[in-house]
C-alpha atoms as a PDB file:
ATOM      1  CA  MET A   1      41.889 158.024 115.350  1.00  0.00           C
ATOM      2  CA  LEU A   2      44.994 159.157 113.653  1.00  0.00           C
ATOM      3  CA  VAL A   3      44.435 158.474 110.127  1.00  0.00           C
ATOM      4  CA  ALA A   4      41.118 160.289 110.224  1.00  0.00           C
ATOM      5  CA  GLY A   5      41.157 162.202 106.703  1.00  0.00           C
ATOM      6  CA  GLY A   6      44.885 161.099 106.198  1.00  0.00           C
ATOM      7  CA  ASP A   7      47.044 158.403 104.532  1.00  0.00           C
ATOM      8  CA  GLU A   8      46.315 155.117 106.217  1.00  0.00           C
ATOM      9  CA  GLN A   9      49.538 153.815 104.598  1.00  0.00           C
ATOM     10  CA  ALA A  10      51.346 156.177 107.236  1.00  0.00           C
ATOM     11  CA  VAL A  11      50.009 153.859 110.253  1.00  0.00           C
ATOM     12  CA  ARG A  12      50.831 150.236 110.756  1.00  0.00           C
ATOM     13  CA  ASP A  13      48.080 148.845 112.811  1.00  0.00           C
ATOM     14  CA  VAL A  14      49.596 145.980 115.224  1.00  0.00           C
ATOM     15  CA  SER A  15      46.416 146.062 117.440  1.00  0.00           C
ATOM     16  CA  GLY A  16      44.857 142.541 118.826  1.00  0.00           C
ATOM     17  CA  GLN A  17      48.322 140.889 118.134  1.00  0.00           C
ATOM     18  CA  ASP A  18      51.548 139.577 119.283  1.00  0.00           C
ATOM     19  CA  VAL A  19      54.084 142.282 118.104  1.00  0.00           C
ATOM     20  CA  SER A  20      56.887 140.974 116.260  1.00  0.00           C
ATOM     21  CA  PRO A  21      60.191 143.022 115.017  1.00  0.00           C
ATOM     22  CA  TYR A  22      59.237 142.944 111.672  1.00  0.00           C
ATOM     23  CA  ASP A  23      56.068 144.870 112.883  1.00  0.00           C
ATOM     24  CA  LEU A  24      58.286 147.754 114.203  1.00  0.00           C
ATOM     25  CA  GLU A  25      60.980 147.588 111.618  1.00  0.00           C
ATOM     26  CA  GLY A  26      61.421 151.159 110.312  1.00  0.00           C
ATOM     27  CA  ALA A  27      59.057 152.644 112.800  1.00  0.00           C
ATOM     28  CA  ALA A  28      59.712 156.120 114.209  1.00  0.00           C
ATOM     29  CA  LEU A  29      57.074 155.714 117.329  1.00  0.00           C
ATOM     30  CA  LEU A  30      54.914 153.022 118.829  1.00  0.00           C
ATOM     31  CA  LEU A  31      51.338 154.330 120.046  1.00  0.00           C
ATOM     32  CA  TRP A  32      50.146 151.472 122.504  1.00  0.00           C
ATOM     33  CA  CYS A  33      46.979 151.534 124.631  1.00  0.00           C
ATOM     34  CA  VAL A  34      47.097 149.557 128.016  1.00  0.00           C
ATOM     35  CA  GLU A  35      43.794 148.476 129.653  1.00  0.00           C
ATOM     36  CA  GLY A  36      43.505 146.908 133.354  1.00  0.00           C
ATOM     37  CA  GLU A  37      45.649 147.667 136.530  1.00  0.00           C
ATOM     38  CA  ARG A  38      48.699 147.213 135.022  1.00  0.00           C
ATOM     39  CA  PRO A  39      50.480 146.439 131.803  1.00  0.00           C
ATOM     40  CA  SER A  40      50.629 142.815 130.650  1.00  0.00           C
ATOM     41  CA  GLU A  41      53.633 140.602 129.682  1.00  0.00           C
ATOM     42  CA  ALA A  42      52.437 141.196 126.018  1.00  0.00           C
ATOM     43  CA  ASP A  43      52.350 144.749 126.669  1.00  0.00           C
ATOM     44  CA  GLU A  44      55.830 144.908 127.850  1.00  0.00           C
ATOM     45  CA  HIS A  45      57.062 142.628 125.290  1.00  0.00           C
ATOM     46  CA  ALA A  46      55.738 145.308 122.908  1.00  0.00           C
ATOM     47  CA  PHE A  47      57.597 148.134 124.936  1.00  0.00           C
ATOM     48  CA  ARG A  48      61.024 146.034 124.969  1.00  0.00           C
ATOM     49  CA  LEU A  49      60.838 145.556 120.959  1.00  0.00           C
ATOM     50  CA  ALA A  50      60.155 149.155 120.553  1.00  0.00           C
ATOM     51  CA  ASP A  51      63.464 149.750 122.594  1.00  0.00           C
ATOM     52  CA  ARG A  52      65.324 147.540 120.642  1.00  0.00           C
ATOM     53  CA  LYS A  53      64.329 148.980 117.295  1.00  0.00           C
ATOM     54  CA  ASP A  54      64.967 152.943 118.463  1.00  0.00           C
ATOM     55  CA  ALA A  55      60.896 153.749 118.089  1.00  0.00           C
ATOM     56  CA  ASP A  56      59.575 155.822 121.057  1.00  0.00           C
ATOM     57  CA  VAL A  57      56.838 154.634 122.829  1.00  0.00           C
ATOM     58  CA  ILE A  58      53.808 156.458 123.929  1.00  0.00           C
ATOM     59  CA  CYS A  59      51.521 154.488 126.212  1.00  0.00           C
ATOM     60  CA  ILE A  60      47.600 155.532 126.796  1.00  0.00           C
ATOM     61  CA  LEU A  61      46.751 153.922 130.085  1.00  0.00           C
ATOM     62  CA  PHE A  62      42.826 152.954 130.819  1.00  0.00           C
ATOM     63  CA  GLY A  63      42.177 152.283 134.245  1.00  0.00           C
ATOM     64  CA  ALA A  64      45.706 151.756 135.482  1.00  0.00           C
ATOM     65  CA  GLY A  65      45.486 153.617 138.544  1.00  0.00           C
ATOM     66  CA  ALA A  66      48.576 152.066 140.774  1.00  0.00           C
ATOM     67  CA  VAL A  67      50.841 152.103 138.128  1.00  0.00           C
ATOM     68  CA  GLU A  68      53.583 154.380 138.437  1.00  0.00           C
ATOM     69  CA  ASP A  69      56.811 153.429 136.223  1.00  0.00           C
ATOM     70  CA  ILE A  70      56.110 151.440 132.829  1.00  0.00           C
ATOM     71  CA  PRO A  71      59.164 149.678 131.367  1.00  0.00           C
ATOM     72  CA  TYR A  72      60.984 151.370 128.458  1.00  0.00           C
ATOM     73  CA  VAL A  73      58.240 154.267 128.513  1.00  0.00           C
ATOM     74  CA  LEU A  74      59.573 157.669 129.543  1.00  0.00           C
ATOM     75  CA  ALA A  75      56.968 158.966 132.593  1.00  0.00           C
ATOM     76  CA  THR A  76      56.474 162.313 130.425  1.00  0.00           C
ATOM     77  CA  ASP A  77      55.260 159.827 127.526  1.00  0.00           C
ATOM     78  CA  VAL A  78      52.158 158.278 129.800  1.00  0.00           C
ATOM     79  CA  ILE A  79      49.045 159.389 129.165  1.00  0.00           C
ATOM     80  CA  ARG A  80      46.548 158.414 131.652  1.00  0.00           C
ATOM     81  CA  VAL A  81      42.712 158.279 130.919  1.00  0.00           C
ATOM     82  CA  PRO A  82      40.003 158.618 133.652  1.00  0.00           C
ATOM     83  CA  PRO A  83      37.615 155.598 133.538  1.00  0.00           C
ATOM     84  CA  GLY A  84      34.723 156.479 130.959  1.00  0.00           C
ATOM     85  CA  ALA A  85      36.666 159.406 129.476  1.00  0.00           C
ATOM     86  CA  GLU A  86      37.870 159.505 125.726  1.00  0.00           C
ATOM     87  CA  ILE A  87      41.418 159.610 124.469  1.00  0.00           C
ATOM     88  CA  PRO A  88      42.778 163.208 124.684  1.00  0.00           C
ATOM     89  CA  LEU A  89      43.509 163.402 121.282  1.00  0.00           C
ATOM     90  CA  ASP A  90      45.019 166.587 121.148  1.00  0.00           C
ATOM     91  CA  VAL A  91      47.689 165.705 124.282  1.00  0.00           C
ATOM     92  CA  VAL A  92      48.355 162.596 121.871  1.00  0.00           C
ATOM     93  CA  ALA A  93      49.285 164.796 119.221  1.00  0.00           C
ATOM     94  CA  GLU A  94      51.583 166.702 121.128  1.00  0.00           C
ATOM     95  CA  ARG A  95      53.330 164.038 122.398  1.00  0.00           C
ATOM     96  CA  ILE A  96      53.806 162.638 118.745  1.00  0.00           C
ATOM     97  CA  ALA A  97      54.786 165.826 117.668  1.00  0.00           C
ATOM     98  CA  GLU A  98      57.514 166.157 120.415  1.00  0.00           C
ATOM     99  CA  ARG A  99      58.889 162.676 119.622  1.00  0.00           C
ATOM    100  CA  ALA A 100      58.756 163.334 115.979  1.00  0.00           C
ATOM    101  CA  ASP A 101      61.170 166.099 116.170  1.00  0.00           C
ATOM    102  CA  GLU A 102      62.700 167.162 112.861  1.00  0.00           C
ATOM    103  CA  LYS A 103      60.544 164.613 110.897  1.00  0.00           C
ATOM    104  CA  GLY A 104      57.453 165.874 112.273  1.00  0.00           C
ATOM    105  CA  TYR A 105      56.499 167.562 109.242  1.00  0.00           C
ATOM    106  CA  SER A 106      56.483 164.575 107.086  1.00  0.00           C
ATOM    107  CA  LEU A 107      54.075 162.835 109.233  1.00  0.00           C
ATOM    108  CA  ALA A 108      51.860 165.946 109.444  1.00  0.00           C
ATOM    109  CA  ALA A 109      51.562 165.899 105.645  1.00  0.00           C
ATOM    110  CA  LYS A 110      50.026 162.470 105.835  1.00  0.00           C
ATOM    111  CA  LEU A 111      48.056 162.630 108.981  1.00  0.00           C
ATOM    112  CA  PRO A 112      46.229 166.020 109.173  1.00  0.00           C
ATOM    113  CA  VAL A 113      45.258 165.229 112.618  1.00  0.00           C
ATOM    114  CA  LEU A 114      48.663 165.866 113.741  1.00  0.00           C
ATOM    115  CA  ARG A 115      49.421 168.973 111.953  1.00  0.00           C
ATOM    116  CA  PRO A 116      48.629 171.594 114.672  1.00  0.00           C
ATOM    117  CA  ALA A 117      50.724 169.924 117.173  1.00  0.00           C
ATOM    118  CA  VAL A 118      53.532 169.523 114.650  1.00  0.00           C
ATOM    119  CA  CYS A 119      53.339 172.995 113.484  1.00  0.00           C
ATOM    120  CA  GLU A 120      53.366 174.598 116.870  1.00  0.00           C
ATOM    121  CA  ALA A 121      56.317 172.388 117.795  1.00  0.00           C
ATOM    122  CA  ILE A 122      57.946 173.491 114.609  1.00  0.00           C
ATOM    123  CA  VAL A 123      57.611 177.113 115.247  1.00  0.00           C
ATOM    124  CA  ARG A 124      58.488 176.865 119.050  1.00  0.00           C
ATOM    125  CA  ARG A 125      61.614 174.974 117.971  1.00  0.00           C
ATOM    126  CA  PHE A 126      62.791 177.545 115.545  1.00  0.00           C
ATOM    127  CA  SER A 127      61.788 180.483 117.904  1.00  0.00           C
ATOM    128  CA  ARG A 128      63.670 179.157 120.571  1.00  0.00           C
ATOM    129  CA  GLN A 129      66.865 178.849 118.598  1.00  0.00           C
ATOM    130  CA  ASN A 130      66.547 182.410 117.100  1.00  0.00           C
ATOM    131  CA  GLY A 131      65.967 183.769 120.552  1.00  0.00           C
ATOM    132  CA  ILE A 132      69.102 182.106 121.806  1.00  0.00           C
ATOM    133  CA  LEU A 133      70.938 183.133 118.471  1.00  0.00           C
ATOM    134  CA  GLY A 134      69.519 186.829 118.918  1.00  0.00           C
ATOM    135  CA  ALA A 135      71.203 186.991 122.423  1.00  0.00           C
ATOM    136  CA  ALA A 136      74.473 185.278 121.483  1.00  0.00           C
ATOM    137  CA  ILE A 137      75.576 187.279 118.207  1.00  0.00           C
ATOM    138  CA  PHE A 138      76.912 190.734 119.584  1.00  0.00           C
ATOM    139  CA  ILE A 139      78.279 192.049 116.174  1.00  0.00           C
ATOM    140  CA  PRO A 140      75.650 194.663 115.240  1.00  0.00           C
ATOM    141  CA  GLY A 141      73.899 193.136 111.753  1.00  0.00           C
ATOM    142  CA  ALA A 142      75.487 189.718 111.618  1.00  0.00           C
ATOM    143  CA  ASP A 143      72.525 188.538 113.228  1.00  0.00           C
ATOM    144  CA  PHE A 144      70.319 189.397 110.078  1.00  0.00           C
ATOM    145  CA  PRO A 145      71.270 186.228 107.561  1.00  0.00           C
ATOM    146  CA  VAL A 146      71.383 183.632 110.387  1.00  0.00           C
ATOM    147  CA  LEU A 147      67.814 184.635 111.918  1.00  0.00           C
ATOM    148  CA  THR A 148      66.749 185.012 108.490  1.00  0.00           C
ATOM    149  CA  LEU A 149      67.717 181.778 107.146  1.00  0.00           C
ATOM    150  CA  ASN A 150      66.341 180.031 110.363  1.00  0.00           C
ATOM    151  CA  GLN A 151      63.130 181.679 109.667  1.00  0.00           C
ATOM    152  CA  VAL A 152      62.972 180.533 106.100  1.00  0.00           C
ATOM    153  CA  ARG A 153      63.730 177.082 107.082  1.00  0.00           C
ATOM    154  CA  MET A 154      60.551 177.243 109.529  1.00  0.00           C
ATOM    155  CA  VAL A 155      58.204 178.540 106.988  1.00  0.00           C
ATOM    156  CA  PHE A 156      59.439 175.718 104.334  1.00  0.00           C
ATOM    157  CA  ARG A 157      58.807 173.158 107.179  1.00  0.00           C
ATOM    158  CA  ILE A 158      55.480 174.291 108.083  1.00  0.00           C
ATOM    159  CA  ALA A 159      54.898 174.424 104.468  1.00  0.00           C
ATOM    160  CA  ALA A 160      56.089 170.907 104.164  1.00  0.00           C
ATOM    161  CA  ALA A 161      53.561 169.985 106.901  1.00  0.00           C
ATOM    162  CA  TYR A 162      50.603 170.920 104.780  1.00  0.00           C
ATOM    163  CA  GLY A 163      51.794 169.012 101.886  1.00  0.00           C
ATOM    164  CA  GLU A 164      52.474 172.049  99.906  1.00  0.00           C
ATOM    165  CA  GLU A 165      55.234 172.463  97.123  1.00  0.00           C
ATOM    166  CA  ILE A 166      56.578 175.812  97.238  1.00  0.00           C
ATOM    167  CA  ASP A 167      57.708 176.895  93.403  1.00  0.00           C
ATOM    168  CA  ARG A 168      59.306 180.245  92.716  1.00  0.00           C
ATOM    169  CA  GLU A 169      56.768 182.475  92.816  1.00  0.00           C
ATOM    170  CA  ARG A 170      55.374 181.079  96.040  1.00  0.00           C
ATOM    171  CA  ALA A 171      58.793 181.254  97.447  1.00  0.00           C
ATOM    172  CA  VAL A 172      58.747 184.991  96.811  1.00  0.00           C
ATOM    173  CA  GLU A 173      55.435 185.859  98.576  1.00  0.00           C
ATOM    174  CA  LEU A 174      56.603 183.513 101.411  1.00  0.00           C
ATOM    175  CA  LEU A 175      60.086 185.396 101.669  1.00  0.00           C
ATOM    176  CA  GLY A 176      58.002 188.703 101.715  1.00  0.00           C
ATOM    177  CA  VAL A 177      56.360 187.500 105.023  1.00  0.00           C
ATOM    178  CA  VAL A 178      59.905 186.689 106.306  1.00  0.00           C
ATOM    179  CA  GLY A 179      60.920 190.221 105.843  1.00  0.00           C
ATOM    180  CA  ALA A 180      58.250 191.492 108.416  1.00  0.00           C
ATOM    181  CA  GLY A 181      61.058 190.111 110.942  1.00  0.00           C
ATOM    182  CA  LEU A 182      63.366 192.491 109.898  1.00  0.00           C
ATOM    183  CA  GLY A 183      61.562 195.317 111.747  1.00  0.00           C
ATOM    184  CA  PHE A 184      61.352 193.773 114.878  1.00  0.00           C
ATOM    185  CA  ARG A 185      65.290 193.089 114.774  1.00  0.00           C
ATOM    186  CA  ALA A 186      65.578 196.732 113.935  1.00  0.00           C
ATOM    187  CA  VAL A 187      63.989 197.800 117.086  1.00  0.00           C
ATOM    188  CA  ALA A 188      66.362 195.204 119.109  1.00  0.00           C
ATOM    189  CA  ARG A 189      69.261 197.026 118.177  1.00  0.00           C
ATOM    190  CA  GLN A 190      67.937 200.448 118.918  1.00  0.00           C
ATOM    191  CA  ALA A 191      66.982 198.674 122.574  1.00  0.00           C
ATOM    192  CA  LEU A 192      70.936 198.025 122.868  1.00  0.00           C
ATOM    193  CA  GLY A 193      71.830 201.365 122.530  1.00  0.00           C
ATOM    194  CA  VAL A 194      69.404 202.607 125.459  1.00  0.00           C
ATOM    195  CA  VAL A 195      70.160 199.451 127.665  1.00  0.00           C
ATOM    196  CA  PRO A 196      73.460 198.300 126.991  1.00  0.00           C
ATOM    197  CA  VAL A 197      73.390 195.791 129.908  1.00  0.00           C
ATOM    198  CA  ALA A 198      70.223 194.262 129.507  1.00  0.00           C
ATOM    199  CA  GLY A 199      70.195 194.955 125.759  1.00  0.00           C
ATOM    200  CA  TRP A 200      71.073 190.971 125.075  1.00  0.00           C
ATOM    201  CA  ALA A 201      68.538 189.785 126.556  1.00  0.00           C
ATOM    202  CA  VAL A 202      65.723 192.451 125.054  1.00  0.00           C
ATOM    203  CA  LYS A 203      67.463 191.526 121.591  1.00  0.00           C
ATOM    204  CA  GLY A 204      66.832 187.720 122.235  1.00  0.00           C
ATOM    205  CA  GLY A 205      63.322 188.437 123.181  1.00  0.00           C
ATOM    206  CA  ILE A 206      62.887 190.345 120.156  1.00  0.00           C
ATOM    207  CA  ALA A 207      64.208 187.844 118.088  1.00  0.00           C
ATOM    208  CA  TRP A 208      62.252 184.942 119.669  1.00  0.00           C
ATOM    209  CA  ALA A 209      58.917 187.099 119.404  1.00  0.00           C
ATOM    210  CA  ALA A 210      59.477 188.025 115.680  1.00  0.00           C
ATOM    211  CA  THR A 211      60.109 184.187 114.606  1.00  0.00           C
ATOM    212  CA  ARG A 212      56.979 183.293 116.742  1.00  0.00           C
ATOM    213  CA  ALA A 213      55.011 185.949 114.985  1.00  0.00           C
ATOM    214  CA  LEU A 214      55.949 184.784 111.538  1.00  0.00           C
ATOM    215  CA  GLY A 215      55.578 181.063 112.344  1.00  0.00           C
ATOM    216  CA  GLU A 216      51.969 181.735 113.337  1.00  0.00           C
ATOM    217  CA  ALA A 217      51.317 183.834 110.173  1.00  0.00           C
ATOM    218  CA  ALA A 218      52.735 181.202 108.179  1.00  0.00           C
ATOM    219  CA  ILE A 219      50.167 178.722 109.880  1.00  0.00           C
ATOM    220  CA  ALA A 220      47.400 181.107 109.299  1.00  0.00           C
ATOM    221  CA  TYR A 221      48.273 181.568 105.461  1.00  0.00           C
ATOM    222  CA  PHE A 222      48.367 177.848 104.692  1.00  0.00           C
ATOM    223  CA  ASN A 223      45.274 177.231 106.870  1.00  0.00           C
ATOM    224  CA  LEU A 224      43.829 179.947 104.611  1.00  0.00           C
ATOM    225  CA  ARG A 225      44.666 178.248 101.331  1.00  0.00           C
ATOM    226  CA  ARG A 226      43.654 175.134 102.662  1.00  0.00           C
ATOM    227  CA  SER A 227      40.356 176.518 103.324  1.00  0.00           C
ATOM    228  CA  ILE A 228      39.947 178.095  99.778  1.00  0.00           C
ATOM    229  CA  ASN A 229      41.083 174.913  97.792  1.00  0.00           C
ATOM    230  CA  HIS A 230      38.424 173.107  99.715  1.00  0.00           C
ATOM    231  CA  ARG A 231      35.454 175.667  98.629  1.00  0.00           C
ATOM    232  CA  VAL A 232      36.976 175.480  95.260  1.00  0.00           C
ATOM    233  CA  ASN A 233      37.179 171.767  94.819  1.00  0.00           C
END
């Protein structure tokens, strides 16, 4: 499911066996399926081991209608699948991307199935950061280097999620795209002069929107490159 078109070494299959501490050594996350009315002792044993190894657990429940709380699993990380339905891969990918956090881009490079969700999480995280910074920095012009640095970091994370190595020429090309965000911030500074009280909120909103637009443009850019490379090869 997760390794389609990706690196099989990035995932360790522990299904159909008693999970040992060795199986979870170095693991960032345990994706576990439960069938039946409630988790078995073996299921709970696996969850407990994951907790000891600091590995997040995402639990997919098949047919467990009466279960409310699952030990060692956050309620938000429980995915319920109705009888006869298929596993919602997009939802699973979103949860994995959220749990992977800063390490998500390295997973996405190895597992393309996760790439859309991981890239969306990257854009969402940096847009939120820039929205807060844009509203919090009061000195005119002082936001330029901070917001731009965050935008550059975001673009490089997205590139890494696609397994792209950025050389000097490509970096210049991508930084040109980053420059498009400066126009948004110029509008924000003008808004401060017109609405001085609410201006900071406007400024933060524009910083968020500019960063989000840049992130979406970067994703489209790498998707296009990937499509062209597939056609050529």
